[in-house]
Amino acid sequence: MSYRPTPKALVRLPQWFFFVATLAVGVQFVRFCLAVAAGSADAASRPAGVEGFLPISALLGLRRLLAAGSFDPVHPAGLWILLAAIVMAVLFRKAFCGHICPVGFLAVRLGRLGQRLKLARSVGPRQNALLGLPKYLLLAFFLFTTFFGMDLAGVDAFLRSSYNITADARLLLFFASPSAKALLILAGLAGLGLVFRGSFCRWLCPYGALLGLLAKVGPTALARDAAACTGCGRCRTVCPMDIPIDASPRPMTCTACASCVVACPRRESAVRFVFAGLPVPWWTTAAGACGVFALAYAVAHALGLWNATLPQAMLARLYAMALGG
């Protein structure tokens, strides 16, 4: 008997693929750091994909690209990932959050666990909007600092500083030996995610806030057929962001994961994606996100703009110093 994957399983496939890929990049980076600290690593073995965890550096790289027309030589992969996420948001809503982001993947798993443990709770629309203010305040701070608070010389100075060059190693050290305060904060965020689905993404993530704002002007939206809807509530039950589907066709917290579409019990789903006003298959946002990411990755490699172009000996020396070697 042949196995035919269900839409529910296929919805989760990109999430699992990118999460496993992130773990692989993390393992390779740890091996690189261990080797470079011992003085035996080739700096070229550092996986550039780890720069996806450096969004502030990527944002400064974007400022430099817009002002000077050239890519950041320090963390170019991080900038490509940011550019890909922006394109995804404009075309396919927050598909980066729903199909690629490893933090979003963990948030979804926490929310599902909270539902199984019967801990899950919802908040009203006004409370949700109020709780979401911090991420927009953080976004405003980062955008103002990046585009108005620093001149191009200051941006270049930061990007080429030893602190920024080895920011990924410092991030690794933080998680390898977290302080008691850091552990309490992480535990608090995890607990919040168990009770309120997607709470970090909905209320605290400035990256997601930026993508949500961009998604508002894009061609992709959720369309609900009120006449066909049975009112069963399955769409909201499976939504990792706890969104009532009838609230808005373009909710800024929607991650375009398509869980609501495939969960509908009707043969022709009462909720679907539309692109430029035309109905499209449920897998459009996932395929679009994967396609945009693959294209960005291919173009970056073709142009030689994925890996850092700094001298390898200098990189090895700086990483060794940052790691205490």
Protein backbone atom coordinates (compact mmCIF):
# COMPACT_ATOMS: atom_id res chain seq x y z
CA MET A 1 0.00 0.00 0.00
CA SER A 2 1.49 3.34 -1.07
CA TYR A 3 1.58 6.27 1.33
CA ARG A 4 0.03 9.51 0.19
CA PRO A 5 0.87 12.48 2.41
CA THR A 6 -2.06 14.56 3.59
CA PRO A 7 -2.24 18.34 3.14
CA LYS A 8 -1.75 18.61 6.92
CA ALA A 9 1.56 16.74 6.66
CA LEU A 10 2.66 18.71 3.61
CA VAL A 11 1.94 22.02 5.36
CA ARG A 12 4.51 21.09 8.00
CA LEU A 13 7.15 19.78 5.59
CA PRO A 14 8.91 23.12 4.86
CA GLN A 15 8.91 23.95 8.58
CA TRP A 16 10.63 20.69 9.46
CA PHE A 17 13.06 20.95 6.54
CA PHE A 18 14.30 24.40 7.50
CA PHE A 19 14.40 23.52 11.20
CA VAL A 20 16.56 20.47 10.52
CA ALA A 21 18.71 22.57 8.16
CA THR A 22 19.11 25.14 10.95
CA LEU A 23 20.21 22.41 13.36
CA ALA A 24 22.75 21.20 10.79
CA VAL A 25 24.12 24.72 10.39
CA GLY A 26 24.28 25.04 14.17
CA VAL A 27 26.22 21.80 14.56
CA GLN A 28 28.67 22.86 11.85
CA PHE A 29 29.13 26.25 13.52
CA VAL A 30 29.78 24.66 16.93
CA ARG A 31 32.39 22.39 15.35
CA PHE A 32 33.98 25.41 13.68
CA CYS A 33 34.09 27.34 16.98
CA LEU A 34 35.59 24.40 18.87
CA ALA A 35 38.26 23.99 16.20
CA VAL A 36 39.10 27.67 15.87
CA ALA A 37 39.36 28.02 19.65
CA ALA A 38 41.91 25.21 19.56
CA GLY A 39 43.81 26.94 16.76
CA SER A 40 43.19 24.25 14.16
CA ALA A 41 40.24 25.54 12.09
CA ASP A 42 40.07 26.91 8.59
CA ALA A 43 37.87 30.01 8.79
CA ALA A 44 36.34 29.04 5.44
CA SER A 45 34.54 26.17 7.22
CA ARG A 46 32.30 28.62 9.08
CA PRO A 47 28.70 28.13 7.80
CA ALA A 48 27.38 31.43 6.49
CA GLY A 49 23.80 30.38 7.23
CA VAL A 50 24.37 31.12 10.92
CA GLU A 51 24.06 34.80 10.02
CA GLY A 52 20.30 34.32 9.88
CA PHE A 53 20.45 34.77 13.68
CA LEU A 54 21.97 38.26 13.32
CA PRO A 55 18.99 40.41 12.20
CA ILE A 56 20.41 43.69 13.54
CA SER A 57 23.61 43.22 11.56
CA ALA A 58 21.51 42.34 8.50
CA LEU A 59 19.43 45.51 8.93
CA LEU A 60 22.60 47.61 9.08
CA GLY A 61 23.81 45.76 6.00
CA LEU A 62 20.57 46.75 4.26
CA ARG A 63 21.18 50.40 5.17
CA ARG A 64 24.67 50.14 3.71
CA LEU A 65 23.35 48.48 0.54
CA LEU A 66 20.75 51.23 0.02
CA ALA A 67 23.20 54.04 0.75
CA ALA A 68 26.39 52.77 -0.88
CA GLY A 69 25.08 50.19 -3.37
CA SER A 70 27.38 47.43 -2.13
CA PHE A 71 26.94 44.35 0.02
CA ASP A 72 28.27 44.04 3.53
CA PRO A 73 31.49 41.96 3.24
CA VAL A 74 31.19 40.77 6.85
CA HIS A 75 27.78 39.06 7.01
CA PRO A 76 26.41 39.02 3.44
CA ALA A 77 24.36 35.84 3.96
CA GLY A 78 22.42 37.52 6.77
CA LEU A 79 21.52 40.36 4.41
CA TRP A 80 20.37 37.92 1.72
CA ILE A 81 18.15 36.14 4.24
CA LEU A 82 16.64 39.47 5.30
CA LEU A 83 16.03 40.47 1.67
CA ALA A 84 14.40 37.10 0.98
CA ALA A 85 12.15 37.49 4.03
CA ILE A 86 11.11 40.96 2.87
CA VAL A 87 10.25 39.72 -0.63
CA MET A 88 8.28 36.81 0.88
CA ALA A 89 6.33 39.22 3.08
CA VAL A 90 5.41 41.48 0.18
CA LEU A 91 4.34 38.59 -2.06
CA PHE A 92 3.17 35.82 0.29
CA ARG A 93 2.42 37.47 3.65
CA LYS A 94 4.60 36.37 6.59
CA ALA A 95 5.53 33.12 4.87
CA PHE A 96 9.06 33.42 6.27
CA CYS A 97 7.62 33.20 9.78
CA GLY A 98 5.27 30.34 8.93
CA HIS A 99 7.54 28.13 6.86
CA ILE A 100 11.21 29.03 7.44
CA CYS A 101 11.90 30.77 10.78
CA PRO A 102 13.21 28.27 13.40
CA VAL A 103 11.95 30.47 16.25
CA GLY A 104 8.50 30.39 14.69
CA PHE A 105 8.78 26.61 14.39
CA LEU A 106 9.49 26.31 18.13
CA ALA A 107 6.66 28.74 18.95
CA VAL A 108 4.22 26.57 17.00
CA ARG A 109 5.39 23.41 18.78
CA LEU A 110 5.02 25.13 22.19
CA GLY A 111 1.52 26.28 21.32
CA ARG A 112 0.50 22.78 20.18
CA LEU A 113 1.88 21.32 23.42
CA GLY A 114 -0.06 23.87 25.46
CA GLN A 115 -3.25 22.87 23.66
CA ARG A 116 -2.64 19.17 24.38
CA LEU A 117 -2.00 19.96 28.04
CA LYS A 118 -5.19 22.07 28.06
CA LEU A 119 -3.24 25.15 29.13
CA ALA A 120 -4.07 27.23 26.05
CA ARG A 121 -5.95 30.47 26.54
CA SER A 122 -7.03 33.29 24.24
CA VAL A 123 -7.17 37.05 24.69
CA GLY A 124 -9.60 39.50 23.18
CA PRO A 125 -8.74 41.67 20.18
CA ARG A 126 -8.12 44.80 22.26
CA GLN A 127 -5.84 42.98 24.70
CA ASN A 128 -4.04 41.33 21.80
CA ALA A 129 -3.44 44.70 20.13
CA LEU A 130 -2.16 46.21 23.38
CA LEU A 131 0.16 43.27 24.07
CA GLY A 132 1.50 43.57 20.52
CA LEU A 133 2.71 47.15 21.03
CA PRO A 134 6.22 46.17 22.32
CA LYS A 135 7.25 44.59 19.03
CA TYR A 136 6.32 47.74 17.10
CA LEU A 137 8.15 49.93 19.59
CA LEU A 138 11.23 47.71 19.22
CA LEU A 139 10.90 47.85 15.44
CA ALA A 140 10.62 51.64 15.50
CA PHE A 141 13.72 51.87 17.69
CA PHE A 142 15.81 49.64 15.38
CA LEU A 143 14.61 51.38 12.21
CA PHE A 144 15.21 54.86 13.61
CA THR A 145 18.65 53.94 14.93
CA THR A 146 19.64 52.24 11.68
CA PHE A 147 18.37 54.77 9.15
CA PHE A 148 18.44 58.04 11.10
CA GLY A 149 20.56 57.61 14.21
CA MET A 150 23.74 56.52 12.40
CA ASP A 151 25.52 57.96 9.40
CA LEU A 152 27.10 55.71 6.78
CA ALA A 153 30.52 55.99 8.40
CA GLY A 154 29.06 54.84 11.71
CA VAL A 155 27.31 51.92 10.02
CA ASP A 156 30.55 50.87 8.33
CA ALA A 157 32.47 51.19 11.58
CA PHE A 158 30.02 48.93 13.38
CA LEU A 159 29.83 46.36 10.58
CA ARG A 160 33.63 46.06 10.47
CA SER A 161 34.08 46.00 14.24
CA SER A 162 35.40 42.82 15.83
CA TYR A 163 32.22 42.69 17.93
CA ASN A 164 29.97 42.49 14.87
CA ILE A 165 32.30 40.17 12.94
CA THR A 166 32.15 37.61 15.75
CA ALA A 167 28.57 38.34 16.89
CA ASP A 168 27.47 34.78 16.05
CA ALA A 169 30.21 33.34 18.29
CA ARG A 170 29.17 35.65 21.12
CA LEU A 171 25.57 34.52 20.65
CA LEU A 172 26.73 30.91 20.90
CA LEU A 173 28.58 31.68 24.14
CA PHE A 174 25.45 33.30 25.54
CA PHE A 175 23.34 30.19 24.96
CA ALA A 176 26.13 27.80 25.97
CA SER A 177 26.52 29.47 29.38
CA PRO A 178 23.37 31.47 30.09
CA SER A 179 23.05 33.48 33.27
CA ALA A 180 20.35 32.75 35.83
CA LYS A 181 18.46 35.84 34.64
CA ALA A 182 18.64 34.67 31.02
CA LEU A 183 17.33 31.24 31.99
CA LEU A 184 14.44 32.80 33.88
CA ILE A 185 13.55 34.99 30.90
CA LEU A 186 13.71 32.06 28.48
CA ALA A 187 11.61 29.94 30.84
CA GLY A 188 9.10 32.77 31.13
CA LEU A 189 8.85 33.10 27.34
CA ALA A 190 8.40 29.33 26.99
CA GLY A 191 5.69 29.31 29.65
CA LEU A 192 3.95 32.23 27.94
CA GLY A 193 4.08 30.31 24.66
CA LEU A 194 2.44 27.28 26.25
CA VAL A 195 -0.51 29.32 27.46
CA PHE A 196 -0.86 31.84 24.64
CA ARG A 197 -0.14 30.42 21.19
CA GLY A 198 2.55 32.27 19.27
CA SER A 199 2.89 34.87 22.03
CA PHE A 200 6.53 35.71 21.24
CA CYS A 201 5.78 36.10 17.54
CA ARG A 202 2.57 38.04 18.14
CA TRP A 203 3.74 40.36 20.90
CA LEU A 204 7.54 40.63 21.02
CA CYS A 205 9.26 39.90 17.68
CA PRO A 206 10.24 43.13 15.84
CA TYR A 207 11.32 41.10 12.79
CA GLY A 208 7.80 39.70 12.52
CA ALA A 209 6.36 43.19 13.04
CA LEU A 210 8.27 44.46 9.99
CA LEU A 211 7.13 41.54 7.84
CA GLY A 212 3.54 41.94 9.02
CA LEU A 213 3.49 45.60 7.98
CA LEU A 214 4.89 44.71 4.55
CA ALA A 215 2.30 41.94 4.17
CA LYS A 216 -0.49 44.51 4.52
CA VAL A 217 0.38 45.98 1.12
CA GLY A 218 0.98 42.66 -0.66
CA PRO A 219 -1.34 40.82 -3.06
CA THR A 220 -1.94 37.76 -0.85
CA ALA A 221 -4.88 37.67 1.56
CA LEU A 222 -7.14 35.21 3.35
CA ALA A 223 -10.67 34.99 1.98
CA ARG A 224 -13.49 33.49 4.02
CA ASP A 225 -16.77 32.39 2.44
CA ALA A 226 -19.24 33.22 5.20
CA ALA A 227 -22.06 31.36 3.45
CA ALA A 228 -20.01 28.15 3.21
CA CYS A 229 -18.58 28.37 6.76
CA THR A 230 -20.13 25.90 9.21
CA GLY A 231 -18.85 27.78 12.27
CA CYS A 232 -17.02 24.71 13.58
CA GLY A 233 -14.04 26.78 14.79
CA ARG A 234 -11.37 24.37 13.54
CA CYS A 235 -9.58 27.15 11.65
CA ARG A 236 -8.91 29.11 14.84
CA THR A 237 -8.10 25.96 16.82
CA VAL A 238 -5.25 25.03 14.47
CA CYS A 239 -4.02 28.59 13.87
CA PRO A 240 -0.59 28.92 15.57
CA MET A 241 -1.27 32.63 16.12
CA ASP A 242 -4.82 32.11 17.49
CA ILE A 243 -6.36 34.37 14.83
CA PRO A 244 -10.14 34.46 14.34
CA ILE A 245 -10.32 34.03 10.58
CA ASP A 246 -13.29 36.39 10.22
CA ALA A 247 -11.38 39.25 11.86
CA SER A 248 -9.63 40.59 8.76
CA PRO A 249 -8.54 39.33 5.33
CA ARG A 250 -5.03 40.66 6.05
CA PRO A 251 -4.25 40.10 9.74
CA MET A 252 -0.69 41.26 10.40
CA THR A 253 0.02 38.28 12.65
CA CYS A 254 -0.95 35.71 9.97
CA THR A 255 2.10 33.60 9.10
CA ALA A 256 0.55 32.18 5.91
CA CYS A 257 1.06 28.64 7.20
CA ALA A 258 -2.21 27.44 5.56
CA SER A 259 -3.19 25.40 8.62
CA CYS A 260 -6.63 27.02 8.67
CA VAL A 261 -7.23 26.27 4.99
CA VAL A 262 -6.43 22.55 5.20
CA ALA A 263 -8.27 22.13 8.53
CA CYS A 264 -11.63 23.19 7.12
CA PRO A 265 -13.97 20.15 7.04
CA ARG A 266 -15.68 21.21 3.84
CA ARG A 267 -14.59 19.65 0.57
CA GLU A 268 -14.13 23.14 -0.82
CA SER A 269 -12.56 25.03 2.08
CA ALA A 270 -14.54 27.98 3.38
CA VAL A 271 -11.25 29.83 3.86
CA ARG A 272 -8.55 30.13 1.22
CA PHE A 273 -5.71 32.27 -0.02
CA VAL A 274 -6.25 34.74 -2.81
CA PHE A 275 -3.46 36.34 -4.81
CA ALA A 276 -4.32 39.65 -6.47
CA GLY A 277 -7.99 38.79 -5.94
CA LEU A 278 -7.77 35.33 -7.54
CA PRO A 279 -8.12 32.09 -5.54
CA VAL A 280 -4.88 30.09 -5.31
CA PRO A 281 -4.07 26.62 -3.87
CA TRP A 282 -3.35 26.25 -0.15
CA TRP A 283 0.31 25.43 -0.86
CA THR A 284 0.98 28.73 -2.69
CA THR A 285 2.56 30.53 0.26
CA ALA A 286 4.78 27.57 1.21
CA ALA A 287 5.94 27.07 -2.37
CA GLY A 288 6.45 30.81 -2.77
CA ALA A 289 8.53 31.06 0.41
CA CYS A 290 10.72 28.11 -0.54
CA GLY A 291 11.11 29.42 -4.09
CA VAL A 292 12.13 32.92 -2.97
CA PHE A 293 14.63 31.52 -0.46
CA ALA A 294 16.11 29.12 -3.02
CA LEU A 295 16.41 31.91 -5.59
CA ALA A 296 18.12 34.25 -3.10
CA TYR A 297 20.54 31.48 -2.10
CA ALA A 298 21.34 30.63 -5.74
CA VAL A 299 21.85 34.27 -6.79
CA ALA A 300 24.03 34.99 -3.75
CA HIS A 301 26.30 32.04 -4.58
CA ALA A 302 26.39 32.90 -8.29
CA LEU A 303 27.52 36.44 -7.45
CA GLY A 304 29.98 35.28 -4.79
CA LEU A 305 28.04 37.20 -2.14
CA TRP A 306 27.04 34.47 0.31
CA ASN A 307 30.24 33.96 2.29
CA ALA A 308 32.23 36.69 4.05
CA THR A 309 34.98 38.16 1.90
CA LEU A 310 37.25 39.15 4.79
CA PRO A 311 40.74 37.60 5.00
CA GLN A 312 40.44 34.06 6.38
CA ALA A 313 43.44 34.40 8.69
CA MET A 314 41.93 37.52 10.24
CA LEU A 315 38.57 35.78 10.75
CA ALA A 316 40.20 32.80 12.44
CA ARG A 317 42.18 35.09 14.75
CA LEU A 318 39.13 37.22 15.70
CA TYR A 319 36.96 34.17 16.39
CA ALA A 320 39.69 32.63 18.50
CA MET A 321 39.88 35.82 20.57
CA ALA A 322 36.09 36.04 20.94
CA LEU A 323 35.96 32.43 22.11
CA GLY A 324 38.77 32.92 24.57
CA GLY A 325 41.32 31.02 22.52
